[in-house]
Amino acid sequence: MASLDTKESHEYVESTMGPSITQVAEFTPVKQNRKRNHSSPVHGSAKKVKEDVACESSSSDKMSSLSEPVSNELHPVNSDLKALLSKLSTDICAMNVSINNRIDQLESSIEQKLTHKFAQLLDKRVNIELGRIKTNVQEQLDSFKEKITEELQEVSEKCSSVTAAAGGPSGGQDISKNLAIRGLPYHEGENLNSKVNSMFKDVMKCDVQVCNTQRKTSANSSKPGVVIATMQSQEDRQKVLKNKSKLNESRTYSDVYIQCDQS
């Protein structure tokens, strides 16, 4: 019954609650022998006729009352039952539709909740893994930096040792800031510091100043002696070495050559 639709429910009710069979009771009168009254034959015949007429009338009334169909008495009950079954069928169909809709809503809601939950779990898992990878990479970088620092320190110590050993015969002077300038023209009574600073600033475009300058005596009198210029820092010396190629663009200083002091 739960799976029947409205049309099938009505057909089922019609077939179940069809017309009732009409029951008719037949009455057969029983003949009885009447005793003849010999004393009054005429009066007795009239009385007999009256009794027969009354009997037939009574029998006819009884047969008429019995021949009425039983279905007339049951008709109101059948109509009410039919209406109840029809209403029940309609309610069941409506309930079935409501239950199906509710099931669809629950499935959709559960699917959305599960999808959201899985997305949260996935994001959490990915964040954990990324954090772990980041930590491992940072640890490796720190270890690599420590090794590089140690190696650079060892190289610096070795360079200092070599520099100290090389500067021993020259009286242990620090030449790490010195520049050797070859081919710088000589002028009588020249201010060597001013000449070198002017060359650095005007020609080489380096904003640096020398601490001290010294021109060595040349073995060849036709060539000017080498000028040793001590800079204020090693960074200033590197700036000059980086821009020394600009001397080739100057007509006055095109023959000047600058390099690190190795004396």
Protein backbone atom coordinates (compact mmCIF):
# COMPACT_ATOMS: atom_id res chain seq x y z
CA MET A 1 0.00 0.00 0.00
CA ALA A 2 2.91 2.41 0.71
CA SER A 3 4.14 2.23 -2.87
CA LEU A 4 0.73 2.78 -4.56
CA ASP A 5 0.11 6.18 -6.07
CA THR A 6 -3.21 8.03 -5.85
CA LYS A 7 -4.76 6.52 -9.00
CA GLU A 8 -3.87 2.94 -8.07
CA SER A 9 -5.21 3.55 -4.55
CA HIS A 10 -8.61 4.63 -5.92
CA GLU A 11 -8.78 1.60 -8.22
CA TYR A 12 -7.94 -0.68 -5.33
CA VAL A 13 -10.69 0.88 -3.19
CA GLU A 14 -13.24 0.57 -6.05
CA SER A 15 -12.42 -3.11 -6.54
CA THR A 16 -12.55 -3.82 -2.81
CA MET A 17 -15.72 -1.86 -2.04
CA GLY A 18 -17.82 -2.95 -5.08
CA PRO A 19 -21.60 -3.46 -5.13
CA SER A 20 -22.90 -5.83 -2.46
CA ILE A 21 -24.85 -8.94 -3.39
CA THR A 22 -28.56 -8.41 -2.78
CA GLN A 23 -30.07 -11.18 -0.71
CA VAL A 24 -33.73 -11.97 -1.34
CA ALA A 25 -35.61 -14.28 0.93
CA GLU A 26 -38.24 -16.43 -0.75
CA PHE A 27 -41.39 -17.33 1.18
CA THR A 28 -43.35 -20.44 0.32
CA PRO A 29 -46.71 -20.66 2.03
CA VAL A 30 -47.59 -23.99 3.58
CA LYS A 31 -51.00 -25.35 2.73
CA GLN A 32 -53.01 -26.58 5.66
CA ASN A 33 -56.18 -28.63 5.42
CA ARG A 34 -59.04 -26.76 6.96
CA LYS A 35 -61.73 -28.81 8.63
CA ARG A 36 -65.14 -28.33 7.10
CA ASN A 37 -67.83 -27.14 9.42
CA HIS A 38 -70.88 -29.13 8.42
CA SER A 39 -73.27 -27.02 10.43
CA SER A 40 -72.73 -23.81 8.39
CA PRO A 41 -71.32 -24.42 4.91
CA VAL A 42 -72.00 -20.96 3.47
CA HIS A 43 -70.67 -19.05 6.42
CA GLY A 44 -67.62 -21.25 6.51
CA SER A 45 -66.85 -20.63 2.85
CA ALA A 46 -66.95 -16.87 3.33
CA LYS A 47 -64.71 -17.11 6.33
CA LYS A 48 -62.28 -19.25 4.35
CA VAL A 49 -62.09 -16.66 1.61
CA LYS A 50 -61.30 -13.91 4.13
CA GLU A 51 -58.58 -15.97 5.77
CA ASP A 52 -57.00 -16.78 2.42
CA VAL A 53 -56.97 -13.10 1.42
CA ALA A 54 -55.44 -12.07 4.76
CA CYS A 55 -52.81 -14.79 4.52
CA GLU A 56 -51.85 -13.81 1.01
CA SER A 57 -51.62 -10.12 2.04
CA SER A 58 -49.41 -10.98 5.01
CA SER A 59 -47.21 -13.19 2.87
CA SER A 60 -46.86 -10.45 0.27
CA ASP A 61 -45.82 -7.91 2.93
CA LYS A 62 -43.25 -10.28 4.36
CA MET A 63 -41.78 -11.07 0.95
CA SER A 64 -41.63 -7.35 0.10
CA SER A 65 -39.79 -6.57 3.31
CA LEU A 66 -37.37 -9.47 2.84
CA SER A 67 -36.69 -8.64 -0.80
CA GLU A 68 -35.15 -5.26 0.09
CA PRO A 69 -31.35 -5.40 -0.60
CA VAL A 70 -29.03 -5.62 2.35
CA SER A 71 -26.71 -3.27 0.56
CA ASN A 72 -29.07 -0.35 1.25
CA GLU A 73 -28.36 -0.73 4.95
CA LEU A 74 -24.54 -1.05 4.42
CA HIS A 75 -24.21 1.77 1.86
CA PRO A 76 -23.38 4.61 4.33
CA VAL A 77 -20.67 2.48 5.99
CA ASN A 78 -19.08 1.59 2.66
CA SER A 79 -19.03 5.23 1.58
CA ASP A 80 -17.31 6.35 4.79
CA LEU A 81 -14.77 3.51 4.59
CA LYS A 82 -14.05 4.33 0.96
CA ALA A 83 -13.46 7.98 1.85
CA LEU A 84 -11.15 7.00 4.72
CA LEU A 85 -9.12 4.65 2.53
CA SER A 86 -8.83 7.29 -0.19
CA LYS A 87 -7.64 9.87 2.34
CA LEU A 88 -5.20 7.34 3.82
CA SER A 89 -3.79 6.61 0.36
CA THR A 90 -3.34 10.31 -0.35
CA ASP A 91 -1.66 10.88 3.02
CA ILE A 92 0.70 7.96 2.43
CA CYS A 93 1.70 9.30 -0.99
CA ALA A 94 2.29 12.77 0.44
CA MET A 95 4.31 11.28 3.30
CA ASN A 96 6.39 9.29 0.80
CA VAL A 97 7.20 12.45 -1.18
CA SER A 98 8.04 14.34 2.03
CA ILE A 99 10.34 11.54 3.22
CA ASN A 100 12.15 11.42 -0.13
CA ASN A 101 12.67 15.19 -0.07
CA ARG A 102 13.97 15.02 3.47
CA ILE A 103 16.38 12.23 2.54
CA ASP A 104 17.69 14.29 -0.40
CA GLN A 105 18.20 17.30 1.88
CA LEU A 106 20.05 15.18 4.44
CA GLU A 107 22.30 13.68 1.77
CA SER A 108 23.15 17.13 0.40
CA SER A 109 23.81 18.53 3.87
CA ILE A 110 26.00 15.58 4.86
CA GLU A 111 27.96 15.84 1.61
CA GLN A 112 28.64 19.54 2.17
CA LYS A 113 29.71 18.99 5.76
CA LEU A 114 32.02 16.13 4.80
CA THR A 115 33.57 18.16 1.97
CA HIS A 116 34.21 21.09 4.31
CA LYS A 117 35.68 18.81 6.96
CA PHE A 118 37.97 17.06 4.47
CA ALA A 119 39.16 20.44 3.17
CA GLN A 120 40.01 21.57 6.71
CA LEU A 121 41.89 18.35 7.43
CA LEU A 122 43.78 18.62 4.14
CA ASP A 123 44.77 22.24 4.80
CA LYS A 124 45.92 21.34 8.30
CA ARG A 125 47.96 18.42 6.99
CA VAL A 126 49.55 20.54 4.25
CA ASN A 127 50.44 23.30 6.74
CA ILE A 128 52.06 20.78 9.07
CA GLU A 129 54.13 19.30 6.24
CA LEU A 130 55.17 22.74 4.97
CA GLY A 131 56.23 23.77 8.47
CA ARG A 132 58.28 20.61 8.83
CA ILE A 133 59.98 21.14 5.47
CA LYS A 134 60.67 24.80 6.31
CA THR A 135 62.27 23.78 9.61
CA ASN A 136 64.49 21.20 7.90
CA VAL A 137 65.59 23.67 5.23
CA GLN A 138 66.37 26.33 7.84
CA GLU A 139 68.45 23.87 9.85
CA GLN A 140 70.43 22.90 6.77
CA LEU A 141 70.99 26.56 5.86
CA ASP A 142 72.20 27.36 9.37
CA SER A 143 74.61 24.43 9.25
CA PHE A 144 75.85 25.53 5.82
CA LYS A 145 76.37 29.11 7.04
CA GLU A 146 78.38 27.89 10.01
CA LYS A 147 80.64 25.84 7.75
CA ILE A 148 81.14 28.76 5.35
CA THR A 149 81.94 31.09 8.25
CA GLU A 150 84.50 28.68 9.64
CA GLU A 151 86.13 28.23 6.24
CA LEU A 152 86.25 31.98 5.63
CA GLN A 153 87.82 32.50 9.02
CA GLU A 154 90.46 29.90 8.24
CA VAL A 155 91.19 31.54 4.88
CA SER A 156 91.41 34.96 6.55
CA GLU A 157 93.86 33.65 9.13
CA LYS A 158 95.99 32.08 6.42
CA CYS A 159 95.98 35.31 4.42
CA SER A 160 97.00 37.25 7.50
CA SER A 161 99.83 34.82 8.11
CA VAL A 162 101.01 35.08 4.50
CA THR A 163 100.77 38.88 4.59
CA ALA A 164 102.71 39.06 7.84
CA ALA A 165 105.35 36.73 6.46
CA ALA A 166 105.62 38.74 3.22
CA GLY A 167 105.87 42.04 5.12
CA GLY A 168 108.67 40.79 7.36
CA PRO A 169 111.60 41.88 5.17
CA SER A 170 110.02 45.33 4.66
CA GLY A 171 109.88 46.01 8.37
CA GLY A 172 106.38 44.52 8.91
CA GLN A 173 104.48 47.44 7.30
CA ASP A 174 100.79 46.99 6.39
CA ILE A 175 100.46 47.35 2.64
CA SER A 176 96.86 46.12 2.41
CA LYS A 177 95.72 49.73 1.78
CA ASN A 178 98.55 50.73 -0.59
CA LEU A 179 98.36 51.35 -4.33
CA ALA A 180 101.29 51.42 -6.75
CA ILE A 181 100.83 54.15 -9.40
CA ARG A 182 103.20 53.83 -12.38
CA GLY A 183 103.72 56.43 -15.09
CA LEU A 184 102.36 59.42 -13.13
CA PRO A 185 104.10 62.52 -14.60
CA TYR A 186 106.67 64.25 -12.37
CA HIS A 187 106.72 68.01 -11.80
CA GLU A 188 109.30 69.97 -9.86
CA GLY A 189 107.95 70.99 -6.45
CA GLU A 190 104.79 68.93 -6.96
CA ASN A 191 102.21 68.35 -4.21
CA LEU A 192 101.90 64.62 -4.67
CA ASN A 193 98.89 64.15 -2.37
CA SER A 194 96.92 66.86 -4.18
CA LYS A 195 97.92 65.48 -7.60
CA VAL A 196 96.80 61.93 -6.77
CA ASN A 197 93.53 63.08 -5.13
CA SER A 198 92.73 65.25 -8.15
CA MET A 199 93.33 62.30 -10.50
CA PHE A 200 91.06 60.07 -8.43
CA LYS A 201 88.27 62.64 -8.24
CA ASP A 202 88.35 64.40 -11.63
CA VAL A 203 89.43 61.60 -13.94
CA MET A 204 88.41 58.37 -12.20
CA LYS A 205 85.28 59.83 -10.52
CA CYS A 206 86.17 58.30 -7.15
CA ASP A 207 85.31 60.26 -4.03
CA VAL A 208 88.30 59.07 -1.98
CA GLN A 209 91.29 60.66 -0.26
CA VAL A 210 94.83 59.36 0.22
CA CYS A 211 96.47 59.29 3.62
CA ASN A 212 100.01 59.44 2.32
CA THR A 213 101.93 59.38 -0.94
CA GLN A 214 105.56 58.65 -1.70
CA ARG A 215 107.42 58.67 -5.04
CA LYS A 216 110.23 56.21 -5.33
CA THR A 217 113.39 56.90 -7.27
CA SER A 218 113.39 55.43 -10.76
CA ALA A 219 116.39 53.56 -12.13
CA ASN A 220 115.64 55.09 -15.53
CA SER A 221 115.83 58.87 -15.44
CA SER A 222 113.58 59.14 -18.48
CA LYS A 223 110.68 57.57 -16.61
CA PRO A 224 108.97 58.96 -13.51
CA GLY A 225 109.31 56.97 -10.31
CA VAL A 226 106.53 54.77 -8.92
CA VAL A 227 104.15 56.51 -6.52
CA ILE A 228 103.01 54.53 -3.46
CA ALA A 229 99.63 55.85 -2.25
CA THR A 230 98.23 54.73 1.08
CA MET A 231 94.43 54.86 1.15
CA GLN A 232 92.21 55.36 4.20
CA SER A 233 90.66 51.88 3.89
CA GLN A 234 90.73 48.78 1.78
CA GLU A 235 87.29 49.71 0.44
CA ASP A 236 88.70 52.97 -0.94
CA ARG A 237 91.52 51.03 -2.58
CA GLN A 238 88.97 48.71 -4.23
CA LYS A 239 87.01 51.69 -5.57
CA VAL A 240 90.14 53.04 -7.26
CA LEU A 241 91.06 49.66 -8.73
CA LYS A 242 87.51 49.25 -10.04
CA ASN A 243 87.60 52.58 -11.94
CA LYS A 244 91.21 52.53 -13.13
CA SER A 245 90.11 51.75 -16.69
CA LYS A 246 88.81 55.34 -16.99
CA LEU A 247 92.43 56.54 -17.16
CA ASN A 248 92.56 55.30 -20.75
CA GLU A 249 89.93 57.90 -21.66
CA SER A 250 92.18 60.76 -20.48
CA ARG A 251 94.91 62.14 -22.74
CA THR A 252 97.04 63.23 -19.75
CA TYR A 253 96.79 60.01 -17.76
CA SER A 254 96.46 57.42 -20.53
CA ASP A 255 99.95 56.07 -19.74
CA VAL A 256 99.30 55.81 -15.99
CA TYR A 257 98.84 52.30 -14.59
CA ILE A 258 97.52 51.49 -11.10
CA GLN A 259 97.85 48.19 -9.24
CA CYS A 260 98.08 46.84 -5.69
CA ASP A 261 101.32 47.50 -3.87
CA GLN A 262 103.38 44.32 -3.67
CA SER A 263 106.63 45.83 -2.43
